[in-house]
Amino acid sequence: MKYLVSIKEINYGGVEVEAANPQEAQEKAEQEYYNGNVFWKDTDISYPSVKKENRDRGDAR
């Protein structure tokens, strides 16, 4: 049997950047995030739903 499992993940972390103002700091932090340079301190994961895959799709193609 196949199941469709929904996954919810929430991460809390931080990164240190050098910036002239808060806006620049936020932009640099976003760059570091996309570069994979964030230190993740805490993660919460849950599986809000598990549903059996419906194999009977009738005439849909």
C-alpha atoms as a PDB file:
ATOM      1  CA  MET A   1       0.000   0.000   0.000  1.00  0.00           C
ATOM      2  CA  LYS A   2       1.097   3.543  -0.641  1.00  0.00           C
ATOM      3  CA  TYR A   3       0.410   6.439   1.700  1.00  0.00           C
ATOM      4  CA  LEU A   4       0.620  10.181   1.238  1.00  0.00           C
ATOM      5  CA  VAL A   5       2.268  11.616   4.353  1.00  0.00           C
ATOM      6  CA  SER A   6       2.225  15.369   5.032  1.00  0.00           C
ATOM      7  CA  ILE A   7       5.342  16.652   6.792  1.00  0.00           C
ATOM      8  CA  LYS A   8       5.670  19.943   8.660  1.00  0.00           C
ATOM      9  CA  GLU A   9       9.146  21.133   9.644  1.00  0.00           C
ATOM     10  CA  ILE A  10       9.988  24.260  11.642  1.00  0.00           C
ATOM     11  CA  ASN A  11      13.629  25.251  12.157  1.00  0.00           C
ATOM     12  CA  TYR A  12      15.112  27.901  14.424  1.00  0.00           C
ATOM     13  CA  GLY A  13      18.668  29.030  13.879  1.00  0.00           C
ATOM     14  CA  GLY A  14      20.942  31.940  13.268  1.00  0.00           C
ATOM     15  CA  VAL A  15      23.878  33.310  11.357  1.00  0.00           C
ATOM     16  CA  GLU A  16      26.327  36.099  12.167  1.00  0.00           C
ATOM     17  CA  VAL A  17      26.831  38.780   9.505  1.00  0.00           C
ATOM     18  CA  GLU A  18      28.718  42.067   9.242  1.00  0.00           C
ATOM     19  CA  ALA A  19      26.403  44.921   8.147  1.00  0.00           C
ATOM     20  CA  ALA A  20      25.933  48.676   8.318  1.00  0.00           C
ATOM     21  CA  ASN A  21      22.225  48.514   9.244  1.00  0.00           C
ATOM     22  CA  PRO A  22      19.417  46.043  10.049  1.00  0.00           C
ATOM     23  CA  GLN A  23      18.148  45.896   6.461  1.00  0.00           C
ATOM     24  CA  GLU A  24      21.599  45.007   5.133  1.00  0.00           C
ATOM     25  CA  ALA A  25      21.999  42.444   7.913  1.00  0.00           C
ATOM     26  CA  GLN A  26      18.724  40.798   6.904  1.00  0.00           C
ATOM     27  CA  GLU A  27      19.755  40.716   3.228  1.00  0.00           C
ATOM     28  CA  LYS A  28      23.115  39.167   4.099  1.00  0.00           C
ATOM     29  CA  ALA A  29      21.465  36.639   6.417  1.00  0.00           C
ATOM     30  CA  GLU A  30      19.165  35.620   3.564  1.00  0.00           C
ATOM     31  CA  GLN A  31      22.208  35.112   1.310  1.00  0.00           C
ATOM     32  CA  GLU A  32      23.842  32.976   3.985  1.00  0.00           C
ATOM     33  CA  TYR A  33      20.639  30.966   4.339  1.00  0.00           C
ATOM     34  CA  TYR A  34      20.582  30.178   0.611  1.00  0.00           C
ATOM     35  CA  ASN A  35      24.293  29.304   0.762  1.00  0.00           C
ATOM     36  CA  GLY A  36      23.568  26.780   3.538  1.00  0.00           C
ATOM     37  CA  ASN A  37      25.503  28.659   6.228  1.00  0.00           C
ATOM     38  CA  VAL A  38      22.850  28.876   8.969  1.00  0.00           C
ATOM     39  CA  PHE A  39      23.499  27.201  12.324  1.00  0.00           C
ATOM     40  CA  TRP A  40      20.268  25.374  13.179  1.00  0.00           C
ATOM     41  CA  LYS A  41      19.685  25.300  16.951  1.00  0.00           C
ATOM     42  CA  ASP A  42      16.267  23.669  17.198  1.00  0.00           C
ATOM     43  CA  THR A  43      14.004  21.705  14.872  1.00  0.00           C
ATOM     44  CA  ASP A  44      10.393  20.624  15.293  1.00  0.00           C
ATOM     45  CA  ILE A  45       8.954  18.058  12.888  1.00  0.00           C
ATOM     46  CA  SER A  46       5.461  16.614  12.767  1.00  0.00           C
ATOM     47  CA  TYR A  47       3.337  14.487  10.466  1.00  0.00           C
ATOM     48  CA  PRO A  48      -0.093  16.177  10.395  1.00  0.00           C
ATOM     49  CA  SER A  49      -1.764  13.598   8.160  1.00  0.00           C
ATOM     50  CA  VAL A  50      -1.320  10.132   6.727  1.00  0.00           C
ATOM     51  CA  LYS A  51      -3.728   9.134   3.975  1.00  0.00           C
ATOM     52  CA  LYS A  52      -3.978   5.929   2.041  1.00  0.00           C
ATOM     53  CA  GLU A  53      -3.415   6.611  -1.651  1.00  0.00           C
ATOM     54  CA  ASN A  54      -6.577   6.167  -3.696  1.00  0.00           C
ATOM     55  CA  ARG A  55      -5.740   3.796  -6.552  1.00  0.00           C
ATOM     56  CA  ASP A  56      -9.248   3.855  -8.023  1.00  0.00           C
ATOM     57  CA  ARG A  57      -9.043   6.823 -10.376  1.00  0.00           C
ATOM     58  CA  GLY A  58     -11.909   5.731 -12.613  1.00  0.00           C
ATOM     59  CA  ASP A  59     -11.613   6.950 -16.211  1.00  0.00           C
ATOM     60  CA  ALA A  60      -9.206   9.807 -15.385  1.00  0.00           C
ATOM     61  CA  ARG A  61      -6.073   9.785 -17.521  1.00  0.00           C
END
